[in-house]
Structure formats: C-alpha cells, structure tokens
Amino acid sequence: MSKSSDLVTLLHTYKKEIFLIVATATATFVFTKALPAIAGGVKQALAFLWAVLSGRGKEYRFLRQYLGWVVNENLYSPVIPSNRGSR
C-alpha cells in the first residue's frame, strides 16, 4: 500500500475523533478569543453611538485619545505597578 492510501484509511478510521478535536478547537477559539473581541467592539461602538446621540461625540473622542495618551505615557512608570498600567 502507498502512504497516501494509509493516510486515507487512517483518517476514515478516526473520523469521529478528528471531527471532535477540530470542533473542540474551533469552539475554544470562538468562546475565548472571537466572542470577547466582538463584544468589546460592539460595546465600544454603542458607547460612541450613545455619545454622538447625546451630543457629546467630540468630548468622547477627546477623552478616549487623552486617556490613551495618559496610559501610554505612564506605562512604564515606577510608581504604578506594570500590571495596572498596561492595557
């Protein structure tokens, strides 16, 4: 038998196990990485939309930029512990 034939036979024999491994890896990625990232983006978009609708869109953008600058300037400050200053 050739090597490709052996591989096909092996894949056919363990197709349930392979499917379970792939499904588990995919679900793990979705629930630990993709959904939190999407939820964070939706939350930020809704906050921005709320600020624009309430007439504070410019203030919201300024505060986001200012707070980002403050965090970046003090990221390696010896006064603030490093795990508190990082994003």
N, C-alpha and C. Protein backbone atom coordinates (compact mmCIF):
# COMPACT_ATOMS: atom_id res chain seq x y z
N MET A 1 0.84 -1.20 0.00
CA MET A 1 0.00 0.00 0.00
C MET A 1 0.87 1.24 0.00
N SER A 2 0.35 2.29 -0.57
CA SER A 2 1.10 3.53 -0.60
C SER A 2 0.81 4.34 0.66
N LYS A 3 1.65 5.34 0.88
CA LYS A 3 1.50 6.17 2.08
C LYS A 3 0.20 6.96 2.06
N SER A 4 -0.21 7.46 0.89
CA SER A 4 -1.45 8.23 0.82
C SER A 4 -2.66 7.35 1.10
N SER A 5 -2.60 6.12 0.67
CA SER A 5 -3.70 5.20 0.93
C SER A 5 -3.79 4.88 2.43
N ASP A 6 -2.63 4.74 3.07
CA ASP A 6 -2.61 4.50 4.52
C ASP A 6 -3.20 5.70 5.27
N LEU A 7 -2.87 6.90 4.80
CA LEU A 7 -3.38 8.11 5.45
C LEU A 7 -4.89 8.20 5.30
N VAL A 8 -5.40 7.90 4.13
CA VAL A 8 -6.84 7.93 3.88
C VAL A 8 -7.55 6.91 4.77
N THR A 9 -6.98 5.73 4.88
CA THR A 9 -7.56 4.69 5.73
C THR A 9 -7.55 5.13 7.20
N LEU A 10 -6.44 5.73 7.62
CA LEU A 10 -6.33 6.21 9.00
C LEU A 10 -7.36 7.31 9.28
N LEU A 11 -7.49 8.26 8.35
CA LEU A 11 -8.46 9.35 8.52
C LEU A 11 -9.89 8.81 8.55
N HIS A 12 -10.18 7.85 7.71
CA HIS A 12 -11.52 7.26 7.68
C HIS A 12 -11.81 6.51 8.98
N THR A 13 -10.81 5.85 9.52
CA THR A 13 -10.98 5.08 10.75
C THR A 13 -11.27 5.99 11.94
N TYR A 14 -10.57 7.13 12.00
CA TYR A 14 -10.68 8.01 13.17
C TYR A 14 -11.44 9.30 12.85
N LYS A 15 -12.40 9.26 11.92
CA LYS A 15 -13.07 10.50 11.52
C LYS A 15 -13.88 11.12 12.66
N LYS A 16 -14.48 10.33 13.53
CA LYS A 16 -15.24 10.89 14.65
C LYS A 16 -14.31 11.63 15.61
N GLU A 17 -13.18 11.01 15.91
CA GLU A 17 -12.23 11.61 16.83
C GLU A 17 -11.63 12.89 16.24
N ILE A 18 -11.31 12.86 14.95
CA ILE A 18 -10.76 14.04 14.29
C ILE A 18 -11.77 15.16 14.27
N PHE A 19 -13.02 14.83 13.96
CA PHE A 19 -14.07 15.84 13.96
C PHE A 19 -14.23 16.44 15.35
N LEU A 20 -14.20 15.61 16.39
CA LEU A 20 -14.34 16.10 17.76
C LEU A 20 -13.19 17.03 18.13
N ILE A 21 -11.97 16.69 17.73
CA ILE A 21 -10.82 17.54 18.03
C ILE A 21 -10.94 18.88 17.32
N VAL A 22 -11.32 18.87 16.04
CA VAL A 22 -11.46 20.12 15.29
C VAL A 22 -12.61 20.95 15.85
N ALA A 23 -13.73 20.33 16.19
CA ALA A 23 -14.87 21.06 16.75
C ALA A 23 -14.52 21.67 18.10
N THR A 24 -13.79 20.94 18.93
CA THR A 24 -13.39 21.45 20.23
C THR A 24 -12.44 22.63 20.09
N ALA A 25 -11.47 22.51 19.20
CA ALA A 25 -10.53 23.61 18.98
C ALA A 25 -11.24 24.85 18.45
N THR A 26 -12.17 24.65 17.54
CA THR A 26 -12.93 25.78 16.99
C THR A 26 -13.78 26.45 18.06
N ALA A 27 -14.48 25.66 18.85
CA ALA A 27 -15.31 26.22 19.92
C ALA A 27 -14.47 26.96 20.95
N THR A 28 -13.32 26.41 21.27
CA THR A 28 -12.42 27.07 22.22
C THR A 28 -11.98 28.42 21.70
N PHE A 29 -11.59 28.47 20.43
CA PHE A 29 -11.19 29.74 19.83
C PHE A 29 -12.34 30.75 19.83
N VAL A 30 -13.52 30.29 19.44
CA VAL A 30 -14.66 31.20 19.35
C VAL A 30 -15.02 31.78 20.72
N PHE A 31 -15.06 30.93 21.74
CA PHE A 31 -15.51 31.41 23.05
C PHE A 31 -14.43 32.13 23.84
N THR A 32 -13.15 31.92 23.53
CA THR A 32 -12.11 32.59 24.31
C THR A 32 -11.50 33.79 23.60
N LYS A 33 -11.57 33.84 22.28
CA LYS A 33 -10.94 34.93 21.53
C LYS A 33 -11.92 35.74 20.71
N ALA A 34 -12.69 35.08 19.88
CA ALA A 34 -13.53 35.79 18.92
C ALA A 34 -14.70 36.52 19.58
N LEU A 35 -15.47 35.83 20.39
CA LEU A 35 -16.63 36.48 21.02
C LEU A 35 -16.24 37.63 21.95
N PRO A 36 -15.23 37.49 22.82
CA PRO A 36 -14.85 38.65 23.63
C PRO A 36 -14.38 39.84 22.79
N ALA A 37 -13.67 39.59 21.70
CA ALA A 37 -13.23 40.69 20.84
C ALA A 37 -14.43 41.36 20.17
N ILE A 38 -15.36 40.57 19.69
CA ILE A 38 -16.55 41.13 19.06
C ILE A 38 -17.39 41.89 20.07
N ALA A 39 -17.55 41.33 21.27
CA ALA A 39 -18.33 42.01 22.31
C ALA A 39 -17.69 43.33 22.72
N GLY A 40 -16.36 43.35 22.82
CA GLY A 40 -15.67 44.59 23.16
C GLY A 40 -15.87 45.65 22.09
N GLY A 41 -15.80 45.24 20.82
CA GLY A 41 -16.02 46.18 19.72
C GLY A 41 -17.44 46.71 19.69
N VAL A 42 -18.40 45.83 19.94
CA VAL A 42 -19.81 46.25 19.97
C VAL A 42 -20.04 47.22 21.13
N LYS A 43 -19.46 46.93 22.29
CA LYS A 43 -19.61 47.79 23.45
C LYS A 43 -19.02 49.18 23.17
N GLN A 44 -17.85 49.22 22.54
CA GLN A 44 -17.22 50.50 22.23
C GLN A 44 -18.03 51.26 21.18
N ALA A 45 -18.57 50.56 20.19
CA ALA A 45 -19.38 51.21 19.17
C ALA A 45 -20.67 51.77 19.77
N LEU A 46 -21.29 51.02 20.67
CA LEU A 46 -22.51 51.52 21.32
C LEU A 46 -22.23 52.72 22.21
N ALA A 47 -21.10 52.71 22.89
CA ALA A 47 -20.73 53.86 23.73
C ALA A 47 -20.50 55.09 22.86
N PHE A 48 -19.84 54.91 21.73
CA PHE A 48 -19.62 56.03 20.82
C PHE A 48 -20.95 56.53 20.25
N LEU A 49 -21.81 55.61 19.85
CA LEU A 49 -23.11 55.99 19.32
C LEU A 49 -23.94 56.75 20.35
N TRP A 50 -23.90 56.27 21.59
CA TRP A 50 -24.63 56.95 22.67
C TRP A 50 -24.08 58.36 22.88
N ALA A 51 -22.76 58.52 22.82
CA ALA A 51 -22.14 59.84 23.00
C ALA A 51 -22.53 60.77 21.86
N VAL A 52 -22.56 60.26 20.64
CA VAL A 52 -22.94 61.09 19.48
C VAL A 52 -24.40 61.49 19.59
N LEU A 53 -25.28 60.53 19.93
CA LEU A 53 -26.70 60.84 20.02
C LEU A 53 -27.02 61.80 21.16
N SER A 54 -26.22 61.77 22.22
CA SER A 54 -26.45 62.69 23.33
C SER A 54 -25.72 64.01 23.15
N GLY A 55 -25.06 64.19 22.01
CA GLY A 55 -24.41 65.45 21.71
C GLY A 55 -23.01 65.59 22.31
N ARG A 56 -22.39 64.49 22.71
CA ARG A 56 -21.06 64.57 23.31
C ARG A 56 -20.04 63.76 22.51
N GLY A 57 -20.20 63.73 21.20
CA GLY A 57 -19.31 62.95 20.35
C GLY A 57 -17.87 63.44 20.38
N LYS A 58 -17.68 64.78 20.29
CA LYS A 58 -16.32 65.34 20.31
C LYS A 58 -15.67 65.12 21.67
N GLU A 59 -16.44 65.27 22.73
CA GLU A 59 -15.90 65.05 24.08
C GLU A 59 -15.49 63.59 24.26
N TYR A 60 -16.30 62.69 23.75
CA TYR A 60 -15.99 61.26 23.85
C TYR A 60 -14.69 60.95 23.13
N ARG A 61 -14.53 61.44 21.89
CA ARG A 61 -13.30 61.19 21.13
C ARG A 61 -12.09 61.78 21.84
N PHE A 62 -12.25 62.99 22.36
CA PHE A 62 -11.13 63.62 23.07
C PHE A 62 -10.74 62.82 24.30
N LEU A 63 -11.72 62.40 25.09
CA LEU A 63 -11.41 61.64 26.30
C LEU A 63 -10.75 60.31 25.98
N ARG A 64 -11.19 59.62 24.93
CA ARG A 64 -10.55 58.36 24.53
C ARG A 64 -9.10 58.58 24.13
N GLN A 65 -8.85 59.64 23.36
CA GLN A 65 -7.47 59.92 22.95
C GLN A 65 -6.63 60.34 24.16
N TYR A 66 -7.19 61.17 25.01
CA TYR A 66 -6.45 61.65 26.18
C TYR A 66 -6.12 60.49 27.12
N LEU A 67 -7.10 59.65 27.41
CA LEU A 67 -6.84 58.53 28.31
C LEU A 67 -5.85 57.54 27.70
N GLY A 68 -5.91 57.34 26.39
CA GLY A 68 -4.92 56.50 25.72
C GLY A 68 -3.53 57.09 25.86
N TRP A 69 -3.42 58.40 25.72
CA TRP A 69 -2.13 59.07 25.86
C TRP A 69 -1.61 58.94 27.30
N VAL A 70 -2.48 59.15 28.29
CA VAL A 70 -2.07 59.05 29.69
C VAL A 70 -1.57 57.64 30.00
N VAL A 71 -2.29 56.64 29.54
CA VAL A 71 -1.87 55.26 29.79
C VAL A 71 -0.53 54.98 29.14
N ASN A 72 -0.35 55.41 27.89
CA ASN A 72 0.90 55.16 27.18
C ASN A 72 2.07 55.91 27.82
N GLU A 73 1.84 57.12 28.29
CA GLU A 73 2.92 57.89 28.93
C GLU A 73 3.34 57.29 30.26
N ASN A 74 2.42 56.67 30.96
CA ASN A 74 2.72 56.12 32.28
C ASN A 74 2.83 54.61 32.28
N LEU A 75 3.00 54.04 31.12
CA LEU A 75 3.02 52.59 31.00
C LEU A 75 4.16 51.96 31.80
N TYR A 76 5.32 52.59 31.78
CA TYR A 76 6.48 52.04 32.47
C TYR A 76 6.87 52.87 33.68
N SER A 77 5.93 53.58 34.24
CA SER A 77 6.18 54.40 35.42
C SER A 77 6.50 53.52 36.62
N PRO A 78 7.54 53.85 37.38
CA PRO A 78 7.87 53.03 38.55
C PRO A 78 6.86 53.19 39.69
N VAL A 79 6.04 54.23 39.63
CA VAL A 79 5.06 54.47 40.69
C VAL A 79 3.86 53.55 40.55
N ILE A 80 3.48 53.28 39.29
CA ILE A 80 2.32 52.44 39.02
C ILE A 80 2.81 51.03 38.71
N PRO A 81 2.28 50.01 39.36
CA PRO A 81 2.68 48.64 39.01
C PRO A 81 2.42 48.34 37.54
N SER A 82 3.30 47.59 36.90
CA SER A 82 3.21 47.36 35.47
C SER A 82 1.93 46.67 35.05
N ASN A 83 1.36 45.79 35.91
CA ASN A 83 0.12 45.12 35.51
C ASN A 83 -1.07 46.06 35.59
N ARG A 84 -0.95 47.16 36.29
CA ARG A 84 -2.05 48.13 36.34
C ARG A 84 -1.98 49.13 35.21
N GLY A 85 -0.80 49.40 34.70
CA GLY A 85 -0.63 50.42 33.66
C GLY A 85 -0.79 49.89 32.26
N SER A 86 -0.72 48.59 32.09
CA SER A 86 -0.82 48.05 30.74
C SER A 86 -2.28 47.82 30.34
N ARG A 87 -2.49 47.77 29.06
CA ARG A 87 -3.85 47.55 28.56
C ARG A 87 -4.14 46.11 28.45
